[in-house]
Amino acid sequence: MTNQENRYWAFMVRLYRVDDSEQSDWRSSVENPHTGERFGFGTLEEFFDFLKSFTQFYGPNGILSSPHKQSDQSEREP
């Protein structure tokens, strides 16, 4: 992907409640509509952590900026 392509991402986000006998919790999933790749999260905090990691991975200039960046600079999703 070029730097320009890394500046915009679209995801389908699903939020839903799972009711337990004593409480209800939010769950979520994120799907890339272009690839069909889907990530599921058991808590909203996990979902927010994913978004934070994703944006840190691609950095402010649309390039890899994660401390986990591969040495060969090949692109990969978190």
PDB file of N, CA and C in Angstrom:
ATOM      1  N   MET A   1       0.824  -1.186   0.000  1.00  0.00           N
ATOM      2  CA  MET A   1       0.000   0.000   0.000  1.00  0.00           C
ATOM      3  C   MET A   1       0.862   1.241   0.000  1.00  0.00           C
ATOM      4  N   THR A   2       0.418   2.236  -0.714  1.00  0.00           N
ATOM      5  CA  THR A   2       1.153   3.492  -0.717  1.00  0.00           C
ATOM      6  C   THR A   2       0.785   4.308   0.504  1.00  0.00           C
ATOM      7  N   ASN A   3       1.569   5.345   0.766  1.00  0.00           N
ATOM      8  CA  ASN A   3       1.276   6.222   1.896  1.00  0.00           C
ATOM      9  C   ASN A   3      -0.112   6.821   1.786  1.00  0.00           C
ATOM     10  N   GLN A   4      -0.535   7.204   0.586  1.00  0.00           N
ATOM     11  CA  GLN A   4      -1.864   7.796   0.402  1.00  0.00           C
ATOM     12  C   GLN A   4      -2.954   6.794   0.761  1.00  0.00           C
ATOM     13  N   GLU A   5      -2.785   5.536   0.373  1.00  0.00           N
ATOM     14  CA  GLU A   5      -3.791   4.520   0.680  1.00  0.00           C
ATOM     15  C   GLU A   5      -3.885   4.245   2.177  1.00  0.00           C
ATOM     16  N   ASN A   6      -2.801   4.443   2.922  1.00  0.00           N
ATOM     17  CA  ASN A   6      -2.795   4.201   4.358  1.00  0.00           C
ATOM     18  C   ASN A   6      -3.433   5.329   5.156  1.00  0.00           C
ATOM     19  N   ARG A   7      -3.848   6.394   4.524  1.00  0.00           N
ATOM     20  CA  ARG A   7      -4.440   7.523   5.251  1.00  0.00           C
ATOM     21  C   ARG A   7      -5.930   7.361   5.483  1.00  0.00           C
ATOM     22  N   TYR A   8      -6.532   6.386   4.875  1.00  0.00           N
ATOM     23  CA  TYR A   8      -7.978   6.194   5.006  1.00  0.00           C
ATOM     24  C   TYR A   8      -8.275   4.712   5.133  1.00  0.00           C
ATOM     25  N   TRP A   9      -9.034   4.366   6.139  1.00  0.00           N
ATOM     26  CA  TRP A   9      -9.450   2.985   6.343  1.00  0.00           C
ATOM     27  C   TRP A   9     -10.949   2.974   6.616  1.00  0.00           C
ATOM     28  N   ALA A  10     -11.628   1.968   6.120  1.00  0.00           N
ATOM     29  CA  ALA A  10     -13.057   1.816   6.392  1.00  0.00           C
ATOM     30  C   ALA A  10     -13.266   0.450   7.038  1.00  0.00           C
ATOM     31  N   PHE A  11     -14.056   0.439   8.083  1.00  0.00           N
ATOM     32  CA  PHE A  11     -14.400  -0.803   8.774  1.00  0.00           C
ATOM     33  C   PHE A  11     -15.894  -0.810   9.049  1.00  0.00           C
ATOM     34  N   MET A  12     -16.467  -1.992   9.081  1.00  0.00           N
ATOM     35  CA  MET A  12     -17.821  -2.148   9.569  1.00  0.00           C
ATOM     36  C   MET A  12     -17.707  -2.557  11.033  1.00  0.00           C
ATOM     37  N   VAL A  13     -18.315  -1.776  11.907  1.00  0.00           N
ATOM     38  CA  VAL A  13     -18.248  -2.035  13.346  1.00  0.00           C
ATOM     39  C   VAL A  13     -19.610  -2.529  13.815  1.00  0.00           C
ATOM     40  N   ARG A  14     -19.606  -3.616  14.566  1.00  0.00           N
ATOM     41  CA  ARG A  14     -20.842  -4.141  15.161  1.00  0.00           C
ATOM     42  C   ARG A  14     -20.687  -4.108  16.677  1.00  0.00           C
ATOM     43  N   LEU A  15     -21.679  -3.550  17.345  1.00  0.00           N
ATOM     44  CA  LEU A  15     -21.735  -3.541  18.810  1.00  0.00           C
ATOM     45  C   LEU A  15     -22.995  -4.272  19.228  1.00  0.00           C
ATOM     46  N   TYR A  16     -22.874  -5.144  20.216  1.00  0.00           N
ATOM     47  CA  TYR A  16     -24.047  -5.881  20.682  1.00  0.00           C
ATOM     48  C   TYR A  16     -23.874  -6.233  22.145  1.00  0.00           C
ATOM     49  N   ARG A  17     -24.991  -6.382  22.822  1.00  0.00           N
ATOM     50  CA  ARG A  17     -24.989  -6.710  24.249  1.00  0.00           C
ATOM     51  C   ARG A  17     -25.170  -8.207  24.444  1.00  0.00           C
ATOM     52  N   VAL A  18     -24.447  -8.726  25.410  1.00  0.00           N
ATOM     53  CA  VAL A  18     -24.590 -10.114  25.821  1.00  0.00           C
ATOM     54  C   VAL A  18     -25.068 -10.076  27.263  1.00  0.00           C
ATOM     55  N   ASP A  19     -26.273 -10.578  27.483  1.00  0.00           N
ATOM     56  CA  ASP A  19     -26.851 -10.539  28.821  1.00  0.00           C
ATOM     57  C   ASP A  19     -26.483 -11.788  29.607  1.00  0.00           C
ATOM     58  N   ASP A  20     -25.914 -11.549  30.747  1.00  0.00           N
ATOM     59  CA  ASP A  20     -25.584 -12.588  31.711  1.00  0.00           C
ATOM     60  C   ASP A  20     -26.713 -12.589  32.735  1.00  0.00           C
ATOM     61  N   SER A  21     -26.727 -13.524  33.615  1.00  0.00           N
ATOM     62  CA  SER A  21     -27.792 -13.572  34.613  1.00  0.00           C
ATOM     63  C   SER A  21     -27.761 -12.354  35.541  1.00  0.00           C
ATOM     64  N   GLU A  22     -26.573 -11.765  35.752  1.00  0.00           N
ATOM     65  CA  GLU A  22     -26.484 -10.640  36.672  1.00  0.00           C
ATOM     66  C   GLU A  22     -26.085  -9.330  36.006  1.00  0.00           C
ATOM     67  N   GLN A  23     -25.564  -9.369  34.808  1.00  0.00           N
ATOM     68  CA  GLN A  23     -25.124  -8.146  34.156  1.00  0.00           C
ATOM     69  C   GLN A  23     -25.191  -8.322  32.649  1.00  0.00           C
ATOM     70  N   SER A  24     -25.065  -7.227  31.929  1.00  0.00           N
ATOM     71  CA  SER A  24     -24.957  -7.306  30.475  1.00  0.00           C
ATOM     72  C   SER A  24     -23.676  -6.595  30.061  1.00  0.00           C
ATOM     73  N   ASP A  25     -22.993  -7.158  29.114  1.00  0.00           N
ATOM     74  CA  ASP A  25     -21.719  -6.636  28.649  1.00  0.00           C
ATOM     75  C   ASP A  25     -21.788  -6.357  27.156  1.00  0.00           C
ATOM     76  N   TRP A  26     -21.038  -5.375  26.725  1.00  0.00           N
ATOM     77  CA  TRP A  26     -20.935  -5.056  25.309  1.00  0.00           C
ATOM     78  C   TRP A  26     -19.838  -5.895  24.671  1.00  0.00           C
ATOM     79  N   ARG A  27     -20.127  -6.391  23.502  1.00  0.00           N
ATOM     80  CA  ARG A  27     -19.162  -7.084  22.658  1.00  0.00           C
ATOM     81  C   ARG A  27     -19.086  -6.298  21.351  1.00  0.00           C
ATOM     82  N   SER A  28     -18.050  -6.546  20.574  1.00  0.00           N
ATOM     83  CA  SER A  28     -17.937  -5.844  19.299  1.00  0.00           C
ATOM     84  C   SER A  28     -17.158  -6.688  18.308  1.00  0.00           C
ATOM     85  N   SER A  29     -17.330  -6.341  17.054  1.00  0.00           N
ATOM     86  CA  SER A  29     -16.510  -6.916  15.996  1.00  0.00           C
ATOM     87  C   SER A  29     -16.237  -5.828  14.972  1.00  0.00           C
ATOM     88  N   VAL A  30     -15.115  -5.977  14.290  1.00  0.00           N
ATOM     89  CA  VAL A  30     -14.690  -5.040  13.254  1.00  0.00           C
ATOM     90  C   VAL A  30     -14.400  -5.868  12.022  1.00  0.00           C
ATOM     91  N   GLU A  31     -14.941  -5.439  10.891  1.00  0.00           N
ATOM     92  CA  GLU A  31     -14.712  -6.159   9.641  1.00  0.00           C
ATOM     93  C   GLU A  31     -14.193  -5.203   8.584  1.00  0.00           C
ATOM     94  N   ASN A  32     -13.156  -5.643   7.869  1.00  0.00           N
ATOM     95  CA  ASN A  32     -12.663  -4.895   6.729  1.00  0.00           C
ATOM     96  C   ASN A  32     -13.535  -5.284   5.546  1.00  0.00           C
ATOM     97  N   PRO A  33     -14.344  -4.357   5.009  1.00  0.00           N
ATOM     98  CA  PRO A  33     -15.270  -4.727   3.947  1.00  0.00           C
ATOM     99  C   PRO A  33     -14.579  -5.088   2.633  1.00  0.00           C
ATOM    100  N   HIS A  34     -13.328  -4.702   2.477  1.00  0.00           N
ATOM    101  CA  HIS A  34     -12.603  -4.999   1.249  1.00  0.00           C
ATOM    102  C   HIS A  34     -12.010  -6.399   1.252  1.00  0.00           C
ATOM    103  N   THR A  35     -11.631  -6.883   2.440  1.00  0.00           N
ATOM    104  CA  THR A  35     -10.985  -8.195   2.515  1.00  0.00           C
ATOM    105  C   THR A  35     -11.843  -9.245   3.209  1.00  0.00           C
ATOM    106  N   GLY A  36     -12.857  -8.801   3.973  1.00  0.00           N
ATOM    107  CA  GLY A  36     -13.669  -9.727   4.742  1.00  0.00           C
ATOM    108  C   GLY A  36     -13.026 -10.136   6.055  1.00  0.00           C
ATOM    109  N   GLU A  37     -11.814  -9.654   6.320  1.00  0.00           N
ATOM    110  CA  GLU A  37     -11.137  -9.983   7.572  1.00  0.00           C
ATOM    111  C   GLU A  37     -11.920  -9.399   8.736  1.00  0.00           C
ATOM    112  N   ARG A  38     -12.112 -10.216   9.786  1.00  0.00           N
ATOM    113  CA  ARG A  38     -12.925  -9.796  10.930  1.00  0.00           C
ATOM    114  C   ARG A  38     -12.178 -10.049  12.231  1.00  0.00           C
ATOM    115  N   PHE A  39     -12.331  -9.108  13.169  1.00  0.00           N
ATOM    116  CA  PHE A  39     -11.759  -9.218  14.501  1.00  0.00           C
ATOM    117  C   PHE A  39     -12.895  -9.094  15.502  1.00  0.00           C
ATOM    118  N   GLY A  40     -12.935  -9.965  16.509  1.00  0.00           N
ATOM    119  CA  GLY A  40     -13.962  -9.913  17.545  1.00  0.00           C
ATOM    120  C   GLY A  40     -13.354  -9.535  18.879  1.00  0.00           C
ATOM    121  N   PHE A  41     -14.142  -8.833  19.706  1.00  0.00           N
ATOM    122  CA  PHE A  41     -13.659  -8.335  20.985  1.00  0.00           C
ATOM    123  C   PHE A  41     -14.683  -8.621  22.068  1.00  0.00           C
ATOM    124  N   GLY A  42     -14.200  -9.119  23.197  1.00  0.00           N
ATOM    125  CA  GLY A  42     -15.068  -9.464  24.312  1.00  0.00           C
ATOM    126  C   GLY A  42     -15.446  -8.281  25.186  1.00  0.00           C
ATOM    127  N   THR A  43     -14.694  -7.187  25.066  1.00  0.00           N
ATOM    128  CA  THR A  43     -14.997  -5.986  25.845  1.00  0.00           C
ATOM    129  C   THR A  43     -14.782  -4.762  24.963  1.00  0.00           C
ATOM    130  N   LEU A  44     -15.377  -3.658  25.359  1.00  0.00           N
ATOM    131  CA  LEU A  44     -15.146  -2.418  24.630  1.00  0.00           C
ATOM    132  C   LEU A  44     -13.693  -1.973  24.763  1.00  0.00           C
ATOM    133  N   GLU A  45     -13.071  -2.251  25.907  1.00  0.00           N
ATOM    134  CA  GLU A  45     -11.675  -1.881  26.103  1.00  0.00           C
ATOM    135  C   GLU A  45     -10.781  -2.586  25.082  1.00  0.00           C
ATOM    136  N   GLU A  46     -11.062  -3.867  24.803  1.00  0.00           N
ATOM    137  CA  GLU A  46     -10.289  -4.593  23.791  1.00  0.00           C
ATOM    138  C   GLU A  46     -10.470  -3.955  22.417  1.00  0.00           C
ATOM    139  N   PHE A  47     -11.689  -3.554  22.096  1.00  0.00           N
ATOM    140  CA  PHE A  47     -11.974  -2.881  20.833  1.00  0.00           C
ATOM    141  C   PHE A  47     -11.192  -1.570  20.728  1.00  0.00           C
ATOM    142  N   PHE A  48     -11.215  -0.764  21.799  1.00  0.00           N
ATOM    143  CA  PHE A  48     -10.494   0.507  21.793  1.00  0.00           C
ATOM    144  C   PHE A  48      -8.987   0.280  21.689  1.00  0.00           C
ATOM    145  N   ASP A  49      -8.487  -0.762  22.347  1.00  0.00           N
ATOM    146  CA  ASP A  49      -7.063  -1.086  22.251  1.00  0.00           C
ATOM    147  C   ASP A  49      -6.683  -1.456  20.817  1.00  0.00           C
ATOM    148  N   PHE A  50      -7.568  -2.191  20.138  1.00  0.00           N
ATOM    149  CA  PHE A  50      -7.331  -2.539  18.737  1.00  0.00           C
ATOM    150  C   PHE A  50      -7.215  -1.274  17.892  1.00  0.00           C
ATOM    151  N   LEU A  51      -8.162  -0.348  18.053  1.00  0.00           N
ATOM    152  CA  LEU A  51      -8.122   0.891  17.270  1.00  0.00           C
ATOM    153  C   LEU A  51      -6.847   1.686  17.548  1.00  0.00           C
ATOM    154  N   LYS A  52      -6.474   1.741  18.802  1.00  0.00           N
ATOM    155  CA  LYS A  52      -5.258   2.466  19.173  1.00  0.00           C
ATOM    156  C   LYS A  52      -4.038   1.803  18.530  1.00  0.00           C
ATOM    157  N   SER A  53      -3.935   0.491  18.629  1.00  0.00           N
ATOM    158  CA  SER A  53      -2.809  -0.228  18.026  1.00  0.00           C
ATOM    159  C   SER A  53      -2.787  -0.064  16.518  1.00  0.00           C
ATOM    160  N   PHE A  54      -3.944  -0.124  15.909  1.00  0.00           N
ATOM    161  CA  PHE A  54      -4.035  -0.004  14.454  1.00  0.00           C
ATOM    162  C   PHE A  54      -3.535   1.348  13.992  1.00  0.00           C
ATOM    163  N   THR A  55      -3.990   2.415  14.646  1.00  0.00           N
ATOM    164  CA  THR A  55      -3.579   3.762  14.231  1.00  0.00           C
ATOM    165  C   THR A  55      -2.116   4.013  14.556  1.00  0.00           C
ATOM    166  N   GLN A  56      -1.610   3.456  15.634  1.00  0.00           N
ATOM    167  CA  GLN A  56      -0.186   3.605  15.945  1.00  0.00           C
ATOM    168  C   GLN A  56       0.661   2.839  14.938  1.00  0.00           C
ATOM    169  N   PHE A  57       0.175   1.708  14.490  1.00  0.00           N
ATOM    170  CA  PHE A  57       0.910   0.878  13.539  1.00  0.00           C
ATOM    171  C   PHE A  57       1.130   1.623  12.229  1.00  0.00           C
ATOM    172  N   TYR A  58       0.095   2.299  11.749  1.00  0.00           N
ATOM    173  CA  TYR A  58       0.206   3.005  10.474  1.00  0.00           C
ATOM    174  C   TYR A  58       0.705   4.424  10.621  1.00  0.00           C
ATOM    175  N   GLY A  59       0.739   4.959  11.819  1.00  0.00           N
ATOM    176  CA  GLY A  59       1.378   6.231  12.088  1.00  0.00           C
ATOM    177  C   GLY A  59       0.705   7.444  11.479  1.00  0.00           C
ATOM    178  N   PRO A  60       1.160   8.616  11.870  1.00  0.00           N
ATOM    179  CA  PRO A  60       0.535   9.857  11.432  1.00  0.00           C
ATOM    180  C   PRO A  60       0.751  10.161   9.956  1.00  0.00           C
ATOM    181  N   ASN A  61       1.762   9.578   9.337  1.00  0.00           N
ATOM    182  CA  ASN A  61       2.046   9.851   7.931  1.00  0.00           C
ATOM    183  C   ASN A  61       1.652   8.700   7.022  1.00  0.00           C
ATOM    184  N   GLY A  62       0.863   7.762   7.559  1.00  0.00           N
ATOM    185  CA  GLY A  62       0.433   6.639   6.737  1.00  0.00           C
ATOM    186  C   GLY A  62       1.526   5.616   6.504  1.00  0.00           C
ATOM    187  N   ILE A  63       2.549   5.607   7.344  1.00  0.00           N
ATOM    188  CA  ILE A  63       3.618   4.635   7.216  1.00  0.00           C
ATOM    189  C   ILE A  63       3.744   3.864   8.517  1.00  0.00           C
ATOM    190  N   LEU A  64       4.408   2.786   8.484  1.00  0.00           N
ATOM    191  CA  LEU A  64       4.580   1.977   9.684  1.00  0.00           C
ATOM    192  C   LEU A  64       5.358   2.762  10.725  1.00  0.00           C
ATOM    193  N   SER A  65       4.826   2.817  11.940  1.00  0.00           N
ATOM    194  CA  SER A  65       5.532   3.542  12.994  1.00  0.00           C
ATOM    195  C   SER A  65       5.495   2.792  14.314  1.00  0.00           C
ATOM    196  N   SER A  66       5.061   1.559  14.284  1.00  0.00           N
ATOM    197  CA  SER A  66       4.947   0.764  15.497  1.00  0.00           C
ATOM    198  C   SER A  66       6.321   0.343  16.002  1.00  0.00           C
ATOM    199  N   PRO A  67       6.500   0.254  17.325  1.00  0.00           N
ATOM    200  CA  PRO A  67       7.750  -0.298  17.823  1.00  0.00           C
ATOM    201  C   PRO A  67       7.909  -1.763  17.439  1.00  0.00           C
ATOM    202  N   HIS A  68       6.827  -2.390  16.978  1.00  0.00           N
ATOM    203  CA  HIS A  68       6.867  -3.787  16.547  1.00  0.00           C
ATOM    204  C   HIS A  68       7.125  -3.890  15.050  1.00  0.00           C
ATOM    205  N   LYS A  69       7.481  -2.782  14.422  1.00  0.00           N
ATOM    206  CA  LYS A  69       7.693  -2.722  12.989  1.00  0.00           C
ATOM    207  C   LYS A  69       8.751  -3.732  12.573  1.00  0.00           C
ATOM    208  N   GLN A  70       8.508  -4.391  11.458  1.00  0.00           N
ATOM    209  CA  GLN A  70       9.460  -5.373  10.969  1.00  0.00           C
ATOM    210  C   GLN A  70      10.659  -4.658  10.364  1.00  0.00           C
ATOM    211  N   SER A  71      11.823  -5.254  10.475  1.00  0.00           N
ATOM    212  CA  SER A  71      13.041  -4.611  10.009  1.00  0.00           C
ATOM    213  C   SER A  71      13.069  -4.446   8.498  1.00  0.00           C
ATOM    214  N   ASP A  72      12.347  -5.277   7.757  1.00  0.00           N
ATOM    215  CA  ASP A  72      12.368  -5.164   6.303  1.00  0.00           C
ATOM    216  C   ASP A  72      11.330  -4.168   5.787  1.00  0.00           C
ATOM    217  N   GLN A  73      10.603  -3.500   6.705  1.00  0.00           N
ATOM    218  CA  GLN A  73       9.608  -2.489   6.376  1.00  0.00           C
ATOM    219  C   GLN A  73       8.417  -3.048   5.597  1.00  0.00           C
ATOM    220  N   SER A  74       8.248  -4.368   5.542  1.00  0.00           N
ATOM    221  CA  SER A  74       7.080  -4.912   4.869  1.00  0.00           C
ATOM    222  C   SER A  74       5.852  -4.595   5.675  1.00  0.00           C
ATOM    223  N   GLU A  75       4.743  -4.385   4.998  1.00  0.00           N
ATOM    224  CA  GLU A  75       3.526  -4.005   5.677  1.00  0.00           C
ATOM    225  C   GLU A  75       2.768  -5.235   6.146  1.00  0.00           C
ATOM    226  N   ARG A  76       2.210  -5.089   7.337  1.00  0.00           N
ATOM    227  CA  ARG A  76       1.354  -6.135   7.878  1.00  0.00           C
ATOM    228  C   ARG A  76       0.373  -5.459   8.804  1.00  0.00           C
ATOM    229  N   GLU A  77      -0.772  -6.065   8.981  1.00  0.00           N
ATOM    230  CA  GLU A  77      -1.754  -5.507   9.899  1.00  0.00           C
ATOM    231  C   GLU A  77      -1.485  -6.017  11.292  1.00  0.00           C
ATOM    232  N   PRO A  78      -1.816  -5.193  12.323  1.00  0.00           N
ATOM    233  CA  PRO A  78      -1.574  -5.633  13.698  1.00  0.00           C
ATOM    234  C   PRO A  78      -2.392  -6.844  14.075  1.00  0.00           C
TER     235      PRO A  78
END
